[in-house]
N, C-alpha and C. Protein backbone atom coordinates (compact mmCIF):
# COMPACT_ATOMS: atom_id res chain seq x y z
N MET A 1 174.69 14.40 -114.15
CA MET A 1 173.48 13.71 -113.76
C MET A 1 172.81 14.49 -112.64
N ARG A 2 171.52 14.63 -112.70
CA ARG A 2 170.73 15.39 -111.75
C ARG A 2 170.61 14.64 -110.43
N GLN A 3 170.86 15.30 -109.31
CA GLN A 3 170.74 14.68 -108.00
C GLN A 3 169.42 15.09 -107.35
N PRO A 4 168.69 14.13 -106.78
CA PRO A 4 167.43 14.48 -106.14
C PRO A 4 167.65 15.23 -104.84
N VAL A 5 166.70 16.06 -104.49
CA VAL A 5 166.71 16.73 -103.21
C VAL A 5 165.93 15.84 -102.25
N THR A 6 166.54 15.41 -101.18
CA THR A 6 165.86 14.53 -100.25
C THR A 6 165.16 15.37 -99.19
N THR A 7 163.83 15.37 -99.23
CA THR A 7 163.06 16.11 -98.25
C THR A 7 162.16 15.20 -97.44
N ASN A 8 161.65 14.15 -98.02
CA ASN A 8 160.74 13.24 -97.34
C ASN A 8 161.28 11.81 -97.43
N ALA A 9 161.73 11.28 -96.32
CA ALA A 9 162.27 9.93 -96.33
C ALA A 9 161.14 8.92 -96.20
N TRP A 10 161.30 7.77 -96.85
CA TRP A 10 160.35 6.67 -96.69
C TRP A 10 160.53 6.08 -95.30
N LEU A 11 159.45 5.63 -94.70
CA LEU A 11 159.51 5.03 -93.38
C LEU A 11 159.85 3.55 -93.42
N ASP A 12 159.74 2.93 -94.61
CA ASP A 12 160.11 1.52 -94.78
C ASP A 12 160.58 1.34 -96.22
N ASP A 13 161.21 0.19 -96.49
CA ASP A 13 161.78 -0.06 -97.82
C ASP A 13 160.91 -0.94 -98.70
N THR A 14 159.76 -1.38 -98.23
CA THR A 14 158.93 -2.31 -98.97
C THR A 14 158.51 -1.74 -100.32
N GLY A 15 158.82 -2.48 -101.39
CA GLY A 15 158.41 -2.10 -102.73
C GLY A 15 159.21 -0.98 -103.38
N LEU A 16 160.25 -0.52 -102.72
CA LEU A 16 161.01 0.61 -103.28
C LEU A 16 162.01 0.16 -104.34
N VAL A 17 162.08 0.93 -105.40
CA VAL A 17 163.12 0.76 -106.41
C VAL A 17 163.86 2.08 -106.49
N THR A 18 165.15 2.01 -106.82
CA THR A 18 165.95 3.21 -106.95
C THR A 18 166.19 3.46 -108.44
N LEU A 19 165.72 4.60 -108.91
CA LEU A 19 165.95 4.96 -110.31
C LEU A 19 167.45 5.16 -110.52
N PRO A 20 167.94 5.01 -111.76
CA PRO A 20 169.37 5.10 -112.01
C PRO A 20 170.05 6.35 -111.45
N SER A 21 169.35 7.49 -111.42
CA SER A 21 169.99 8.71 -110.91
C SER A 21 169.77 8.93 -109.42
N GLY A 22 169.10 7.98 -108.74
CA GLY A 22 169.03 8.05 -107.30
C GLY A 22 167.68 8.13 -106.61
N PRO A 23 166.65 8.78 -107.18
CA PRO A 23 165.38 8.83 -106.44
C PRO A 23 164.79 7.45 -106.23
N ARG A 24 164.12 7.27 -105.10
CA ARG A 24 163.48 6.00 -104.78
C ARG A 24 161.97 6.15 -104.97
N VAL A 25 161.38 5.18 -105.66
CA VAL A 25 159.96 5.18 -105.98
C VAL A 25 159.39 3.84 -105.56
N ARG A 26 158.18 3.84 -105.02
CA ARG A 26 157.56 2.59 -104.58
C ARG A 26 156.61 2.06 -105.65
N GLY A 27 156.61 0.75 -105.85
CA GLY A 27 155.61 0.05 -106.64
C GLY A 27 154.88 -0.91 -105.73
N ARG A 28 153.55 -0.91 -105.77
CA ARG A 28 152.80 -1.79 -104.87
C ARG A 28 151.40 -2.06 -105.38
N ARG A 29 150.75 -3.06 -104.75
CA ARG A 29 149.32 -3.32 -104.98
C ARG A 29 148.52 -2.23 -104.28
N GLN A 30 147.38 -1.86 -104.86
CA GLN A 30 146.55 -0.84 -104.23
C GLN A 30 146.05 -1.27 -102.85
N SER A 31 145.83 -2.56 -102.65
CA SER A 31 145.27 -3.03 -101.38
C SER A 31 146.29 -3.07 -100.25
N ASP A 32 147.59 -3.00 -100.56
CA ASP A 32 148.62 -3.02 -99.52
C ASP A 32 148.69 -1.66 -98.84
N THR A 33 149.03 -1.67 -97.57
CA THR A 33 149.21 -0.42 -96.85
C THR A 33 150.63 -0.33 -96.33
N PHE A 34 151.26 0.77 -96.62
CA PHE A 34 152.63 1.03 -96.19
C PHE A 34 152.72 2.48 -95.75
N SER A 35 153.92 2.94 -95.47
CA SER A 35 154.10 4.34 -95.09
C SER A 35 153.56 5.24 -96.21
N PRO A 36 153.06 6.40 -95.86
CA PRO A 36 152.40 7.25 -96.84
C PRO A 36 153.33 7.82 -97.90
N ALA A 37 152.77 8.02 -99.07
CA ALA A 37 153.48 8.67 -100.18
C ALA A 37 152.93 10.09 -100.32
N ASP A 38 153.69 10.93 -101.01
CA ASP A 38 153.25 12.30 -101.27
C ASP A 38 152.43 12.40 -102.55
N PHE A 39 152.67 11.47 -103.48
CA PHE A 39 151.98 11.48 -104.77
C PHE A 39 151.90 10.06 -105.29
N ALA A 40 150.75 9.73 -105.91
CA ALA A 40 150.58 8.37 -106.43
C ALA A 40 149.81 8.36 -107.74
N PRO A 41 150.45 7.89 -108.83
CA PRO A 41 149.67 7.54 -110.01
C PRO A 41 148.92 6.24 -109.70
N LEU A 42 147.61 6.26 -109.84
CA LEU A 42 146.79 5.08 -109.59
C LEU A 42 146.41 4.48 -110.93
N LEU A 43 146.84 3.26 -111.19
CA LEU A 43 146.68 2.65 -112.50
C LEU A 43 145.54 1.64 -112.56
N ALA A 44 144.69 1.65 -111.54
CA ALA A 44 143.53 0.76 -111.50
C ALA A 44 142.41 1.46 -110.74
N ASP A 45 141.19 0.99 -110.97
CA ASP A 45 140.07 1.52 -110.21
C ASP A 45 140.18 1.06 -108.77
N GLY A 46 139.63 1.84 -107.88
CA GLY A 46 139.65 1.50 -106.47
C GLY A 46 139.47 2.75 -105.65
N PRO A 47 139.64 2.62 -104.33
CA PRO A 47 139.46 3.78 -103.47
C PRO A 47 140.52 4.85 -103.79
N MET A 48 140.08 6.09 -103.77
CA MET A 48 140.99 7.20 -104.03
C MET A 48 141.57 7.69 -102.70
N PRO A 49 142.88 7.82 -102.61
CA PRO A 49 143.49 8.24 -101.35
C PRO A 49 143.29 9.74 -101.11
N ALA A 50 143.51 10.15 -99.87
CA ALA A 50 143.40 11.56 -99.51
C ALA A 50 144.60 12.35 -100.02
N ARG A 51 145.71 11.70 -100.23
CA ARG A 51 146.93 12.38 -100.68
C ARG A 51 146.83 12.73 -102.17
N ALA A 52 147.80 13.49 -102.65
CA ALA A 52 147.83 13.86 -104.07
C ALA A 52 147.95 12.60 -104.93
N HIS A 53 147.14 12.52 -105.96
CA HIS A 53 147.15 11.35 -106.85
C HIS A 53 146.56 11.73 -108.20
N ARG A 54 146.79 10.86 -109.16
CA ARG A 54 146.13 10.97 -110.47
C ARG A 54 145.69 9.57 -110.86
N HIS A 55 144.43 9.45 -111.24
CA HIS A 55 143.89 8.17 -111.66
C HIS A 55 144.03 8.04 -113.16
N ILE A 56 144.63 6.95 -113.60
CA ILE A 56 144.84 6.66 -115.01
C ILE A 56 143.92 5.52 -115.42
N ARG A 57 143.21 5.69 -116.50
CA ARG A 57 142.36 4.61 -117.02
C ARG A 57 143.26 3.67 -117.82
N TRP A 58 143.56 2.52 -117.20
CA TRP A 58 144.50 1.56 -117.78
C TRP A 58 143.99 0.16 -117.47
N PRO A 59 143.25 -0.47 -118.40
CA PRO A 59 142.71 -1.81 -118.14
C PRO A 59 143.82 -2.83 -117.87
N ASP A 60 143.52 -3.77 -116.97
CA ASP A 60 144.47 -4.83 -116.64
C ASP A 60 144.84 -5.61 -117.90
N SER A 61 146.11 -5.95 -118.02
CA SER A 61 146.65 -6.71 -119.16
C SER A 61 146.45 -6.01 -120.49
N TRP A 62 146.43 -4.71 -120.49
CA TRP A 62 146.22 -3.94 -121.71
C TRP A 62 147.11 -2.72 -121.69
N ILE A 63 146.83 -1.75 -122.55
CA ILE A 63 147.58 -0.50 -122.57
C ILE A 63 146.67 0.62 -122.06
N PRO A 64 147.25 1.74 -121.64
CA PRO A 64 146.42 2.84 -121.13
C PRO A 64 145.43 3.34 -122.18
N ILE A 65 144.27 3.79 -121.72
CA ILE A 65 143.24 4.33 -122.61
C ILE A 65 143.72 5.62 -123.27
N ASN A 66 144.36 6.49 -122.49
CA ASN A 66 144.81 7.79 -122.99
C ASN A 66 146.31 7.91 -122.79
N HIS A 67 147.07 7.71 -123.86
CA HIS A 67 148.54 7.74 -123.76
C HIS A 67 149.06 9.08 -123.26
N ALA A 68 148.48 10.17 -123.75
CA ALA A 68 148.95 11.50 -123.35
C ALA A 68 148.77 11.70 -121.85
N ASP A 69 147.65 11.24 -121.30
CA ASP A 69 147.38 11.39 -119.87
C ASP A 69 148.37 10.59 -119.03
N VAL A 70 148.63 9.34 -119.43
CA VAL A 70 149.57 8.53 -118.64
C VAL A 70 150.98 9.11 -118.73
N LEU A 71 151.39 9.58 -119.89
CA LEU A 71 152.73 10.16 -120.01
C LEU A 71 152.85 11.43 -119.19
N ASP A 72 151.82 12.26 -119.21
CA ASP A 72 151.83 13.48 -118.40
C ASP A 72 151.92 13.13 -116.91
N THR A 73 151.16 12.13 -116.49
CA THR A 73 151.18 11.70 -115.09
C THR A 73 152.55 11.15 -114.70
N LEU A 74 153.14 10.34 -115.57
CA LEU A 74 154.46 9.78 -115.26
C LEU A 74 155.53 10.86 -115.24
N ARG A 75 155.43 11.84 -116.11
CA ARG A 75 156.38 12.95 -116.07
C ARG A 75 156.23 13.72 -114.76
N GLU A 76 154.97 13.90 -114.31
CA GLU A 76 154.76 14.57 -113.02
C GLU A 76 155.36 13.74 -111.89
N ALA A 77 155.15 12.44 -111.90
CA ALA A 77 155.71 11.56 -110.87
C ALA A 77 157.24 11.65 -110.88
N TYR A 78 157.82 11.67 -112.07
CA TYR A 78 159.28 11.76 -112.21
C TYR A 78 159.79 13.08 -111.61
N ARG A 79 159.13 14.18 -111.96
CA ARG A 79 159.54 15.49 -111.43
C ARG A 79 159.43 15.51 -109.90
N ARG A 80 158.33 14.98 -109.40
CA ARG A 80 158.13 14.97 -107.95
C ARG A 80 159.18 14.11 -107.25
N ALA A 81 159.50 12.94 -107.81
CA ALA A 81 160.52 12.08 -107.20
C ALA A 81 161.86 12.79 -107.17
N HIS A 82 162.21 13.48 -108.24
CA HIS A 82 163.47 14.22 -108.28
C HIS A 82 163.47 15.42 -107.36
N ALA A 83 162.29 15.92 -107.01
CA ALA A 83 162.19 17.04 -106.08
C ALA A 83 162.21 16.56 -104.62
N GLY A 84 162.32 15.25 -104.42
CA GLY A 84 162.41 14.70 -103.08
C GLY A 84 161.11 14.21 -102.49
N GLU A 85 160.03 14.23 -103.28
CA GLU A 85 158.76 13.73 -102.78
C GLU A 85 158.74 12.20 -102.83
N ARG A 86 157.93 11.61 -101.95
CA ARG A 86 157.74 10.16 -101.96
C ARG A 86 156.66 9.85 -102.99
N VAL A 87 157.05 9.13 -104.03
CA VAL A 87 156.14 8.78 -105.12
C VAL A 87 155.95 7.28 -105.12
N GLU A 88 154.68 6.87 -105.23
CA GLU A 88 154.42 5.44 -105.38
C GLU A 88 153.46 5.23 -106.55
N VAL A 89 153.65 4.10 -107.24
CA VAL A 89 152.81 3.73 -108.37
C VAL A 89 152.05 2.48 -107.95
N THR A 90 150.73 2.47 -108.17
CA THR A 90 149.94 1.32 -107.75
C THR A 90 149.00 0.84 -108.85
N CYS A 91 148.73 -0.44 -108.82
CA CYS A 91 147.68 -1.04 -109.64
C CYS A 91 147.09 -2.17 -108.80
N ARG A 92 146.15 -2.89 -109.33
CA ARG A 92 145.49 -3.94 -108.54
C ARG A 92 146.48 -4.99 -108.04
N GLY A 93 147.33 -5.50 -108.93
CA GLY A 93 148.27 -6.55 -108.52
C GLY A 93 149.65 -6.06 -108.17
N GLY A 94 150.00 -4.83 -108.55
CA GLY A 94 151.32 -4.28 -108.25
C GLY A 94 152.42 -4.87 -109.10
N ILE A 95 152.07 -5.45 -110.26
CA ILE A 95 153.08 -6.12 -111.09
C ILE A 95 153.10 -5.56 -112.51
N GLY A 96 152.08 -5.83 -113.31
CA GLY A 96 152.09 -5.47 -114.74
C GLY A 96 152.07 -3.99 -115.02
N ARG A 97 150.97 -3.32 -114.70
CA ARG A 97 150.86 -1.89 -114.95
C ARG A 97 151.85 -1.11 -114.10
N THR A 98 152.01 -1.52 -112.85
CA THR A 98 152.95 -0.83 -111.97
C THR A 98 154.36 -0.94 -112.50
N GLY A 99 154.76 -2.14 -112.89
CA GLY A 99 156.11 -2.33 -113.43
C GLY A 99 156.32 -1.59 -114.73
N THR A 100 155.29 -1.57 -115.56
CA THR A 100 155.37 -0.82 -116.82
C THR A 100 155.64 0.65 -116.53
N ALA A 101 154.91 1.18 -115.56
CA ALA A 101 155.09 2.59 -115.20
C ALA A 101 156.47 2.83 -114.59
N LEU A 102 156.97 1.89 -113.77
CA LEU A 102 158.30 2.05 -113.19
C LEU A 102 159.39 2.00 -114.26
N ALA A 103 159.22 1.13 -115.24
CA ALA A 103 160.17 1.10 -116.36
C ALA A 103 160.12 2.42 -117.12
N ALA A 104 158.92 2.99 -117.26
CA ALA A 104 158.78 4.29 -117.94
C ALA A 104 159.53 5.36 -117.16
N LEU A 105 159.45 5.33 -115.84
CA LEU A 105 160.19 6.31 -115.05
C LEU A 105 161.70 6.14 -115.26
N ALA A 106 162.15 4.90 -115.40
CA ALA A 106 163.58 4.66 -115.67
C ALA A 106 163.96 5.22 -117.04
N ILE A 107 163.05 5.12 -118.01
CA ILE A 107 163.30 5.70 -119.34
C ILE A 107 163.38 7.22 -119.23
N LEU A 108 162.46 7.81 -118.50
CA LEU A 108 162.53 9.25 -118.27
C LEU A 108 163.84 9.63 -117.59
N ASP A 109 164.37 8.71 -116.80
CA ASP A 109 165.62 8.93 -116.08
C ASP A 109 166.85 8.71 -116.97
N GLY A 110 166.62 8.29 -118.21
CA GLY A 110 167.73 8.19 -119.15
C GLY A 110 168.08 6.80 -119.63
N LEU A 111 167.47 5.74 -119.10
CA LEU A 111 167.76 4.40 -119.59
C LEU A 111 167.11 4.18 -120.95
N PRO A 112 167.79 3.51 -121.87
CA PRO A 112 167.14 3.14 -123.12
C PRO A 112 165.97 2.20 -122.82
N PRO A 113 164.89 2.24 -123.62
CA PRO A 113 163.71 1.42 -123.34
C PRO A 113 163.99 -0.06 -123.07
N LYS A 114 164.77 -0.72 -123.92
CA LYS A 114 165.02 -2.15 -123.70
C LYS A 114 165.77 -2.39 -122.39
N GLN A 115 166.68 -1.50 -122.07
CA GLN A 115 167.43 -1.64 -120.82
C GLN A 115 166.50 -1.39 -119.62
N ALA A 116 165.57 -0.47 -119.74
CA ALA A 116 164.62 -0.19 -118.65
C ALA A 116 163.74 -1.40 -118.37
N VAL A 117 163.31 -2.06 -119.41
CA VAL A 117 162.49 -3.25 -119.23
C VAL A 117 163.31 -4.35 -118.57
N THR A 118 164.54 -4.54 -119.00
CA THR A 118 165.43 -5.53 -118.38
C THR A 118 165.71 -5.15 -116.93
N TRP A 119 165.87 -3.87 -116.67
CA TRP A 119 166.15 -3.36 -115.32
C TRP A 119 165.02 -3.71 -114.36
N ILE A 120 163.78 -3.59 -114.79
CA ILE A 120 162.65 -3.81 -113.89
C ILE A 120 162.15 -5.26 -113.94
N ARG A 121 162.36 -5.98 -115.02
CA ARG A 121 161.77 -7.31 -115.20
C ARG A 121 162.15 -8.32 -114.11
N PRO A 122 163.34 -8.35 -113.56
CA PRO A 122 163.63 -9.37 -112.54
C PRO A 122 162.71 -9.29 -111.34
N THR A 123 162.02 -8.19 -111.15
CA THR A 123 161.14 -8.03 -109.99
C THR A 123 159.70 -8.39 -110.31
N THR A 124 159.44 -8.87 -111.51
CA THR A 124 158.06 -9.08 -111.92
C THR A 124 157.77 -10.52 -112.25
N THR A 125 156.52 -10.81 -112.30
CA THR A 125 156.07 -12.08 -112.85
C THR A 125 154.97 -11.74 -113.84
N THR A 126 154.84 -12.53 -114.85
CA THR A 126 153.80 -12.30 -115.84
C THR A 126 152.86 -13.49 -115.83
N ALA A 127 151.58 -13.23 -115.85
CA ALA A 127 150.60 -14.31 -115.87
C ALA A 127 150.85 -15.19 -117.08
N PRO A 128 150.71 -16.53 -116.94
CA PRO A 128 151.03 -17.43 -118.04
C PRO A 128 150.17 -17.21 -119.29
N TRP A 129 148.97 -16.66 -119.12
CA TRP A 129 148.09 -16.43 -120.27
C TRP A 129 148.37 -15.11 -120.96
N LYS A 130 149.21 -14.29 -120.36
CA LYS A 130 149.46 -12.95 -120.89
C LYS A 130 150.65 -12.99 -121.84
N PRO A 131 150.49 -12.53 -123.08
CA PRO A 131 151.63 -12.54 -124.00
C PRO A 131 152.77 -11.71 -123.44
N ARG A 132 153.95 -12.28 -123.42
CA ARG A 132 155.11 -11.55 -122.89
C ARG A 132 155.29 -10.28 -123.70
N GLY A 133 155.43 -9.19 -122.99
CA GLY A 133 155.67 -7.93 -123.66
C GLY A 133 154.43 -7.11 -123.93
N ASN A 134 153.25 -7.57 -123.53
CA ASN A 134 152.03 -6.83 -123.80
C ASN A 134 152.09 -5.42 -123.22
N ASP A 135 152.37 -5.29 -121.92
CA ASP A 135 152.51 -3.97 -121.30
C ASP A 135 153.81 -3.30 -121.73
N TYR A 136 154.86 -4.09 -121.86
CA TYR A 136 156.17 -3.53 -122.18
C TYR A 136 156.17 -2.85 -123.54
N GLY A 137 155.33 -3.32 -124.45
CA GLY A 137 155.25 -2.68 -125.77
C GLY A 137 154.88 -1.23 -125.63
N PHE A 138 153.96 -0.91 -124.72
CA PHE A 138 153.63 0.48 -124.49
C PHE A 138 154.85 1.22 -123.95
N ALA A 139 155.59 0.58 -123.06
CA ALA A 139 156.77 1.22 -122.47
C ALA A 139 157.78 1.60 -123.53
N GLN A 140 157.88 0.80 -124.55
CA GLN A 140 158.91 1.02 -125.55
C GLN A 140 158.41 1.78 -126.77
N SER A 141 157.12 2.12 -126.82
CA SER A 141 156.59 2.65 -128.06
C SER A 141 156.27 4.13 -128.08
N THR A 142 156.65 4.86 -127.06
CA THR A 142 156.31 6.28 -127.06
C THR A 142 157.21 7.03 -128.04
N ASN A 143 156.72 8.15 -128.50
CA ASN A 143 157.47 8.95 -129.47
C ASN A 143 158.60 9.74 -128.84
N HIS A 144 158.46 10.11 -127.58
CA HIS A 144 159.51 10.87 -126.91
C HIS A 144 160.62 9.91 -126.53
N PRO A 145 161.88 10.22 -126.84
CA PRO A 145 162.96 9.27 -126.58
C PRO A 145 163.18 8.95 -125.11
N ARG A 146 162.70 9.80 -124.20
CA ARG A 146 162.91 9.52 -122.79
C ARG A 146 161.60 9.43 -122.03
N SER A 147 160.55 8.95 -122.68
CA SER A 147 159.29 8.79 -121.97
C SER A 147 158.56 7.55 -122.42
N ALA A 148 158.13 6.76 -121.47
CA ALA A 148 157.35 5.57 -121.76
C ALA A 148 157.19 4.68 -120.56
N PRO A 149 156.27 3.70 -120.54
CA PRO A 149 156.09 2.74 -119.49
C PRO A 149 156.61 1.32 -119.70
N GLY A 150 157.12 -0.28 -118.48
CA GLY A 150 157.63 -1.66 -118.39
C GLY A 150 157.09 -2.41 -117.20
N SER A 151 157.54 -3.35 -116.26
CA SER A 151 156.75 -4.06 -115.23
C SER A 151 157.49 -4.44 -113.96
N CYS A 152 156.97 -4.19 -112.73
CA CYS A 152 157.63 -4.47 -111.44
C CYS A 152 156.64 -4.82 -110.34
N ALA A 153 157.12 -5.25 -109.29
CA ALA A 153 156.33 -5.34 -108.07
C ALA A 153 157.26 -4.91 -106.96
N TYR A 154 157.89 -5.86 -106.32
CA TYR A 154 158.73 -5.49 -105.18
C TYR A 154 160.17 -5.89 -105.45
N ARG A 155 161.03 -4.95 -105.52
CA ARG A 155 162.45 -5.17 -105.76
C ARG A 155 163.11 -5.56 -104.47
C-alpha cells in the first residue's frame, strides 16, 4: 500500500476524512473558512480562491456536466493528497457533491464502490426530497474500476 509523504500539515481537524491508505482530505461548504488548502476541487459556483483549484460544473442534486473533467480533477486531487498536499473538496452545502467526490477518492484509493459509499455515508445527510443514491449513482458508475464519486460533510 502506498504511503503518503507528509509535507503540509492541516492546522485543524474540521471536516477531515482519512482515506483508507492514510492521506487526509477535507470536505466542507464553500462558505466555511478553515485553515488553507493547497488544492481544491470546487463543485459549485461561487468565489474562486487564490490557491490552486479546479471548478467543476456539477449542478446541485444532479450529476457532473462533464464526467471526464470531474474524473480528471479527482485523480489530480488524489495524486496531490498522496504527495502530501492539503486537498479539500467543496460544494455549496458540503454534503452531497462533496461526499460524492470524497467517496470517489476512496474508490481511487482502492475501496470497492459500494464500500466507499458506505464508508462516507455515516457523515452525510440527504435532503428528504432527493432520491437516495442520486449522487452516489455517479460514484458507482464510472468505467474505470478505481475511479468515481459518493457523499460526506464532516466526519
